Amino acid sequence: MLSIQISDIKDFMSHLLSKDTFDHFYFIEASIKMGVSYQIQGRINEGFYDTSVEQTLNREFCYWKEIRHRIFDIIKGKRLPLSCKIVLGLSKQSISYLIAHNNSSFREEDIEGIYVNILYDPKNLLITTGISYKNFSLDKSLEYAFDEYLVKFLKEKAVI
């Protein structure tokens, strides 16, 4: 598990809410505490779509790019949120790529999800990572590989 303290909160939030930096991640959930609290789930409700759309979606969660403007609309204003937690996740294709390119002993079906947790309060912004395994494992190699990937990604995008 990786933990990164972000020093330039304004710049990071610009990347998160206004730019396409994180658009390829799944949106898992958000919790935003302002005058009222908001809980938003990123799981796609299949019953909402007709059959042809469901077949083209073929995924469990929406992408961050599909929801970030709504999250931005909730957060924007004169007053900052009291707190905010946003959880993003890797797509199944990205998990497969990470496993394959790191010679991991894990299989895609061993992994429930690989997550980036963004935790904000007006004075701090913290990014943590985590992997949810379907079965217990002492092998942390995939976690280390994802942590390295995320640091490289954030540096390439000039986020950290």
Foldseek 3Di string as FASTA:
>chain_A
DDKDWFDPPVLLVCCQQPHCLQQQWFWAWKWFAAVHIDTDGFFDDVVVDDPVVSVVVPFGGHTSVVCSNVVCVVQDDDDGTQKMKTKTWHGLVVLQVLCVVQVHPDDSLQWPTKIWIWIDGPVITMIDIDTDTPDDDPDCSSVVSVVVVVVVSCVVVVND
